[in-house]
Amino acid sequence: MSGQPLRCSAKGCPADAVWGIRWRNPKIHDATRRKVWLACGEHRVTLTEFLALRTFPMDVVPVADLD
């Protein structure tokens, strides 16, 4: 991914994203569908905990590894 820096998805966070959190809601998305949230170092844990509480399948990769 190139161009402008990507911003963290946490509400109100102005930081650049360094992590991509790929996730899906299995009740409405099939296994091929993934949504992506972006996270700075500070918000990676809180965003993944939010998804984990809902038992959504997810993985975390560096932003540079996102397609």
PDB file of N, CA and C in Angstrom:
ATOM      1  N   MET A   1       0.858  -1.160   0.000  1.00  0.00           N
ATOM      2  CA  MET A   1       0.000   0.000   0.000  1.00  0.00           C
ATOM      3  C   MET A   1       0.907   1.226   0.000  1.00  0.00           C
ATOM      4  N   SER A   2       0.557   2.187  -0.812  1.00  0.00           N
ATOM      5  CA  SER A   2       1.407   3.366  -0.902  1.00  0.00           C
ATOM      6  C   SER A   2       0.558   4.619  -0.920  1.00  0.00           C
ATOM      7  N   GLY A   3       1.234   5.757  -1.015  1.00  0.00           N
ATOM      8  CA  GLY A   3       0.515   7.024  -1.032  1.00  0.00           C
ATOM      9  C   GLY A   3       0.472   7.648   0.337  1.00  0.00           C
ATOM     10  N   GLN A   4      -0.646   8.285   0.647  1.00  0.00           N
ATOM     11  CA  GLN A   4      -0.831   8.952   1.941  1.00  0.00           C
ATOM     12  C   GLN A   4      -0.753   7.936   3.078  1.00  0.00           C
ATOM     13  N   PRO A   5      -0.230   8.377   4.239  1.00  0.00           N
ATOM     14  CA  PRO A   5      -0.235   7.460   5.397  1.00  0.00           C
ATOM     15  C   PRO A   5      -1.670   7.082   5.764  1.00  0.00           C
ATOM     16  N   LEU A   6      -1.848   5.840   6.148  1.00  0.00           N
ATOM     17  CA  LEU A   6      -3.159   5.370   6.568  1.00  0.00           C
ATOM     18  C   LEU A   6      -3.334   5.673   8.045  1.00  0.00           C
ATOM     19  N   ARG A   7      -4.526   6.090   8.442  1.00  0.00           N
ATOM     20  CA  ARG A   7      -4.806   6.478   9.822  1.00  0.00           C
ATOM     21  C   ARG A   7      -5.438   5.334  10.594  1.00  0.00           C
ATOM     22  N   CYS A   8      -5.188   5.337  11.862  1.00  0.00           N
ATOM     23  CA  CYS A   8      -5.765   4.344  12.785  1.00  0.00           C
ATOM     24  C   CYS A   8      -7.293   4.437  12.754  1.00  0.00           C
ATOM     25  N   SER A   9      -7.954   3.291  12.860  1.00  0.00           N
ATOM     26  CA  SER A   9      -9.418   3.234  12.847  1.00  0.00           C
ATOM     27  C   SER A   9     -10.057   3.551  14.195  1.00  0.00           C
ATOM     28  N   ALA A  10      -9.267   3.638  15.260  1.00  0.00           N
ATOM     29  CA  ALA A  10      -9.831   3.956  16.567  1.00  0.00           C
ATOM     30  C   ALA A  10     -10.409   5.370  16.534  1.00  0.00           C
ATOM     31  N   LYS A  11     -11.572   5.523  17.111  1.00  0.00           N
ATOM     32  CA  LYS A  11     -12.279   6.801  17.078  1.00  0.00           C
ATOM     33  C   LYS A  11     -11.399   7.938  17.609  1.00  0.00           C
ATOM     34  N   GLY A  12     -11.229   8.945  16.769  1.00  0.00           N
ATOM     35  CA  GLY A  12     -10.499  10.145  17.161  1.00  0.00           C
ATOM     36  C   GLY A  12      -8.992  10.023  17.149  1.00  0.00           C
ATOM     37  N   CYS A  13      -8.456   8.893  16.768  1.00  0.00           N
ATOM     38  CA  CYS A  13      -7.003   8.716  16.779  1.00  0.00           C
ATOM     39  C   CYS A  13      -6.397   9.278  15.492  1.00  0.00           C
ATOM     40  N   PRO A  14      -5.454  10.206  15.616  1.00  0.00           N
ATOM     41  CA  PRO A  14      -4.818  10.788  14.437  1.00  0.00           C
ATOM     42  C   PRO A  14      -3.539  10.061  14.008  1.00  0.00           C
ATOM     43  N   ALA A  15      -3.157   8.999  14.713  1.00  0.00           N
ATOM     44  CA  ALA A  15      -1.885   8.323  14.460  1.00  0.00           C
ATOM     45  C   ALA A  15      -1.907   7.521  13.168  1.00  0.00           C
ATOM     46  N   ASP A  16      -0.715   7.353  12.607  1.00  0.00           N
ATOM     47  CA  ASP A  16      -0.560   6.493  11.435  1.00  0.00           C
ATOM     48  C   ASP A  16      -0.777   5.039  11.835  1.00  0.00           C
ATOM     49  N   ALA A  17      -1.392   4.289  10.960  1.00  0.00           N
ATOM     50  CA  ALA A  17      -1.617   2.862  11.203  1.00  0.00           C
ATOM     51  C   ALA A  17      -0.342   2.086  10.890  1.00  0.00           C
ATOM     52  N   VAL A  18      -0.049   1.119  11.727  1.00  0.00           N
ATOM     53  CA  VAL A  18       1.072   0.215  11.471  1.00  0.00           C
ATOM     54  C   VAL A  18       0.610  -1.235  11.404  1.00  0.00           C
ATOM     55  N   TRP A  19      -0.635  -1.490  11.801  1.00  0.00           N
ATOM     56  CA  TRP A  19      -1.208  -2.839  11.795  1.00  0.00           C
ATOM     57  C   TRP A  19      -2.508  -2.857  11.008  1.00  0.00           C
ATOM     58  N   GLY A  20      -2.759  -3.965  10.339  1.00  0.00           N
ATOM     59  CA  GLY A  20      -4.037  -4.227   9.693  1.00  0.00           C
ATOM     60  C   GLY A  20      -4.711  -5.379  10.415  1.00  0.00           C
ATOM     61  N   ILE A  21      -5.930  -5.166  10.859  1.00  0.00           N
ATOM     62  CA  ILE A  21      -6.692  -6.211  11.542  1.00  0.00           C
ATOM     63  C   ILE A  21      -7.768  -6.676  10.568  1.00  0.00           C
ATOM     64  N   ARG A  22      -7.568  -7.875  10.027  1.00  0.00           N
ATOM     65  CA  ARG A  22      -8.532  -8.439   9.068  1.00  0.00           C
ATOM     66  C   ARG A  22      -9.503  -9.315   9.848  1.00  0.00           C
ATOM     67  N   TRP A  23     -10.799  -9.065   9.677  1.00  0.00           N
ATOM     68  CA  TRP A  23     -11.795  -9.780  10.462  1.00  0.00           C
ATOM     69  C   TRP A  23     -13.066  -9.970   9.647  1.00  0.00           C
ATOM     70  N   ARG A  24     -13.948 -10.822  10.184  1.00  0.00           N
ATOM     71  CA  ARG A  24     -15.269 -11.021   9.571  1.00  0.00           C
ATOM     72  C   ARG A  24     -16.265 -11.420  10.634  1.00  0.00           C
ATOM     73  N   ASN A  25     -17.511 -11.118  10.359  1.00  0.00           N
ATOM     74  CA  ASN A  25     -18.616 -11.557  11.208  1.00  0.00           C
ATOM     75  C   ASN A  25     -19.183 -12.812  10.560  1.00  0.00           C
ATOM     76  N   PRO A  26     -18.940 -13.989  11.138  1.00  0.00           N
ATOM     77  CA  PRO A  26     -19.357 -15.231  10.488  1.00  0.00           C
ATOM     78  C   PRO A  26     -20.870 -15.392  10.361  1.00  0.00           C
ATOM     79  N   LYS A  27     -21.632 -14.607  11.103  1.00  0.00           N
ATOM     80  CA  LYS A  27     -23.089 -14.693  10.980  1.00  0.00           C
ATOM     81  C   LYS A  27     -23.587 -14.047   9.691  1.00  0.00           C
ATOM     82  N   ILE A  28     -22.803 -13.124   9.130  1.00  0.00           N
ATOM     83  CA  ILE A  28     -23.269 -12.448   7.913  1.00  0.00           C
ATOM     84  C   ILE A  28     -22.281 -12.493   6.749  1.00  0.00           C
ATOM     85  N   HIS A  29     -21.032 -12.899   6.995  1.00  0.00           N
ATOM     86  CA  HIS A  29     -20.025 -12.959   5.929  1.00  0.00           C
ATOM     87  C   HIS A  29     -19.538 -14.387   5.745  1.00  0.00           C
ATOM     88  N   ASP A  30     -19.348 -14.787   4.480  1.00  0.00           N
ATOM     89  CA  ASP A  30     -18.770 -16.111   4.250  1.00  0.00           C
ATOM     90  C   ASP A  30     -17.262 -16.049   4.510  1.00  0.00           C
ATOM     91  N   ALA A  31     -16.602 -17.187   4.446  1.00  0.00           N
ATOM     92  CA  ALA A  31     -15.180 -17.286   4.817  1.00  0.00           C
ATOM     93  C   ALA A  31     -14.250 -16.474   3.928  1.00  0.00           C
ATOM     94  N   THR A  32     -14.713 -16.082   2.749  1.00  0.00           N
ATOM     95  CA  THR A  32     -13.848 -15.318   1.843  1.00  0.00           C
ATOM     96  C   THR A  32     -13.929 -13.815   2.066  1.00  0.00           C
ATOM     97  N   ARG A  33     -14.920 -13.372   2.801  1.00  0.00           N
ATOM     98  CA  ARG A  33     -15.111 -11.933   3.029  1.00  0.00           C
ATOM     99  C   ARG A  33     -14.331 -11.478   4.253  1.00  0.00           C
ATOM    100  N   ARG A  34     -13.546 -10.439   4.117  1.00  0.00           N
ATOM    101  CA  ARG A  34     -12.788  -9.873   5.236  1.00  0.00           C
ATOM    102  C   ARG A  34     -12.949  -8.368   5.257  1.00  0.00           C
ATOM    103  N   LYS A  35     -13.144  -7.829   6.418  1.00  0.00           N
ATOM    104  CA  LYS A  35     -13.118  -6.387   6.609  1.00  0.00           C
ATOM    105  C   LYS A  35     -11.765  -6.063   7.216  1.00  0.00           C
ATOM    106  N   VAL A  36     -11.321  -4.829   7.084  1.00  0.00           N
ATOM    107  CA  VAL A  36     -10.015  -4.444   7.618  1.00  0.00           C
ATOM    108  C   VAL A  36     -10.152  -3.188   8.458  1.00  0.00           C
ATOM    109  N   TRP A  37      -9.653  -3.270   9.664  1.00  0.00           N
ATOM    110  CA  TRP A  37      -9.470  -2.092  10.505  1.00  0.00           C
ATOM    111  C   TRP A  37      -7.983  -1.825  10.560  1.00  0.00           C
ATOM    112  N   LEU A  38      -7.635  -0.574  10.633  1.00  0.00           N
ATOM    113  CA  LEU A  38      -6.238  -0.178  10.749  1.00  0.00           C
ATOM    114  C   LEU A  38      -5.964   0.238  12.181  1.00  0.00           C
ATOM    115  N   ALA A  39      -4.773  -0.056  12.675  1.00  0.00           N
ATOM    116  CA  ALA A  39      -4.461   0.255  14.070  1.00  0.00           C
ATOM    117  C   ALA A  39      -3.053   0.816  14.210  1.00  0.00           C
ATOM    118  N   CYS A  40      -2.929   1.789  15.090  1.00  0.00           N
ATOM    119  CA  CYS A  40      -1.609   2.257  15.501  1.00  0.00           C
ATOM    120  C   CYS A  40      -1.130   1.297  16.587  1.00  0.00           C
ATOM    121  N   GLY A  41       0.101   1.452  17.020  1.00  0.00           N
ATOM    122  CA  GLY A  41       0.629   0.588  18.066  1.00  0.00           C
ATOM    123  C   GLY A  41      -0.163   0.667  19.357  1.00  0.00           C
ATOM    124  N   GLU A  42      -0.665   1.846  19.683  1.00  0.00           N
ATOM    125  CA  GLU A  42      -1.410   2.040  20.928  1.00  0.00           C
ATOM    126  C   GLU A  42      -2.780   1.362  20.913  1.00  0.00           C
ATOM    127  N   HIS A  43      -3.444   1.333  19.762  1.00  0.00           N
ATOM    128  CA  HIS A  43      -4.825   0.824  19.708  1.00  0.00           C
ATOM    129  C   HIS A  43      -4.954  -0.603  19.183  1.00  0.00           C
ATOM    130  N   ARG A  44      -3.863  -1.240  18.841  1.00  0.00           N
ATOM    131  CA  ARG A  44      -3.950  -2.613  18.330  1.00  0.00           C
ATOM    132  C   ARG A  44      -4.655  -3.530  19.330  1.00  0.00           C
ATOM    133  N   VAL A  45      -4.270  -3.465  20.572  1.00  0.00           N
ATOM    134  CA  VAL A  45      -4.848  -4.363  21.587  1.00  0.00           C
ATOM    135  C   VAL A  45      -6.334  -4.077  21.791  1.00  0.00           C
ATOM    136  N   THR A  46      -6.720  -2.822  21.938  1.00  0.00           N
ATOM    137  CA  THR A  46      -8.132  -2.528  22.220  1.00  0.00           C
ATOM    138  C   THR A  46      -9.027  -2.911  21.044  1.00  0.00           C
ATOM    139  N   LEU A  47      -8.570  -2.690  19.822  1.00  0.00           N
ATOM    140  CA  LEU A  47      -9.385  -3.063  18.663  1.00  0.00           C
ATOM    141  C   LEU A  47      -9.506  -4.582  18.537  1.00  0.00           C
ATOM    142  N   THR A  48      -8.414  -5.311  18.764  1.00  0.00           N
ATOM    143  CA  THR A  48      -8.503  -6.771  18.671  1.00  0.00           C
ATOM    144  C   THR A  48      -9.303  -7.361  19.827  1.00  0.00           C
ATOM    145  N   GLU A  49      -9.218  -6.769  21.007  1.00  0.00           N
ATOM    146  CA  GLU A  49     -10.045  -7.252  22.129  1.00  0.00           C
ATOM    147  C   GLU A  49     -11.528  -7.066  21.845  1.00  0.00           C
ATOM    148  N   PHE A  50     -11.890  -5.951  21.221  1.00  0.00           N
ATOM    149  CA  PHE A  50     -13.280  -5.692  20.857  1.00  0.00           C
ATOM    150  C   PHE A  50     -13.797  -6.808  19.949  1.00  0.00           C
ATOM    151  N   LEU A  51     -13.008  -7.185  18.951  1.00  0.00           N
ATOM    152  CA  LEU A  51     -13.418  -8.246  18.028  1.00  0.00           C
ATOM    153  C   LEU A  51     -13.402  -9.616  18.704  1.00  0.00           C
ATOM    154  N   ALA A  52     -12.419  -9.854  19.559  1.00  0.00           N
ATOM    155  CA  ALA A  52     -12.317 -11.145  20.246  1.00  0.00           C
ATOM    156  C   ALA A  52     -13.514 -11.382  21.173  1.00  0.00           C
ATOM    157  N   LEU A  53     -14.001 -10.334  21.833  1.00  0.00           N
ATOM    158  CA  LEU A  53     -15.176 -10.474  22.690  1.00  0.00           C
ATOM    159  C   LEU A  53     -16.396 -10.946  21.906  1.00  0.00           C
ATOM    160  N   ARG A  54     -16.437 -10.622  20.653  1.00  0.00           N
ATOM    161  CA  ARG A  54     -17.543 -11.026  19.780  1.00  0.00           C
ATOM    162  C   ARG A  54     -17.247 -12.336  19.056  1.00  0.00           C
ATOM    163  N   THR A  55     -16.118 -12.932  19.353  1.00  0.00           N
ATOM    164  CA  THR A  55     -15.634 -14.179  18.742  1.00  0.00           C
ATOM    165  C   THR A  55     -15.572 -14.109  17.214  1.00  0.00           C
ATOM    166  N   PHE A  56     -15.211 -12.955  16.693  1.00  0.00           N
ATOM    167  CA  PHE A  56     -15.045 -12.812  15.252  1.00  0.00           C
ATOM    168  C   PHE A  56     -13.666 -13.339  14.850  1.00  0.00           C
ATOM    169  N   PRO A  57     -13.597 -14.170  13.819  1.00  0.00           N
ATOM    170  CA  PRO A  57     -12.291 -14.611  13.331  1.00  0.00           C
ATOM    171  C   PRO A  57     -11.498 -13.391  12.844  1.00  0.00           C
ATOM    172  N   MET A  58     -10.202 -13.374  13.173  1.00  0.00           N
ATOM    173  CA  MET A  58      -9.375 -12.242  12.754  1.00  0.00           C
ATOM    174  C   MET A  58      -7.919 -12.654  12.704  1.00  0.00           C
ATOM    175  N   ASP A  59      -7.147 -11.852  11.996  1.00  0.00           N
ATOM    176  CA  ASP A  59      -5.702 -11.950  12.049  1.00  0.00           C
ATOM    177  C   ASP A  59      -5.143 -10.539  11.949  1.00  0.00           C
ATOM    178  N   VAL A  60      -3.916 -10.379  12.437  1.00  0.00           N
ATOM    179  CA  VAL A  60      -3.269  -9.072  12.479  1.00  0.00           C
ATOM    180  C   VAL A  60      -1.976  -9.159  11.688  1.00  0.00           C
ATOM    181  N   VAL A  61      -1.807  -8.220  10.764  1.00  0.00           N
ATOM    182  CA  VAL A  61      -0.612  -8.181   9.926  1.00  0.00           C
ATOM    183  C   VAL A  61      -0.097  -6.756   9.848  1.00  0.00           C
ATOM    184  N   PRO A  62       1.183  -6.589   9.568  1.00  0.00           N
ATOM    185  CA  PRO A  62       1.684  -5.236   9.341  1.00  0.00           C
ATOM    186  C   PRO A  62       0.955  -4.588   8.158  1.00  0.00           C
ATOM    187  N   VAL A  63       0.768  -3.286   8.214  1.00  0.00           N
ATOM    188  CA  VAL A  63       0.068  -2.585   7.125  1.00  0.00           C
ATOM    189  C   VAL A  63       0.733  -2.873   5.775  1.00  0.00           C
ATOM    190  N   ALA A  64       2.048  -2.978   5.764  1.00  0.00           N
ATOM    191  CA  ALA A  64       2.763  -3.239   4.509  1.00  0.00           C
ATOM    192  C   ALA A  64       2.366  -4.567   3.881  1.00  0.00           C
ATOM    193  N   ASP A  65       1.838  -5.510   4.663  1.00  0.00           N
ATOM    194  CA  ASP A  65       1.452  -6.829   4.143  1.00  0.00           C
ATOM    195  C   ASP A  65      -0.005  -6.900   3.678  1.00  0.00           C
ATOM    196  N   LEU A  66      -0.754  -5.804   3.816  1.00  0.00           N
ATOM    197  CA  LEU A  66      -2.143  -5.804   3.329  1.00  0.00           C
ATOM    198  C   LEU A  66      -2.149  -5.768   1.813  1.00  0.00           C
ATOM    199  N   ASP A  67      -3.103  -6.445   1.218  1.00  0.00           N
ATOM    200  CA  ASP A  67      -3.224  -6.457  -0.253  1.00  0.00           C
ATOM    201  C   ASP A  67      -3.778  -5.149  -0.741  1.00  0.00           C
TER     202      ASP A  67
END
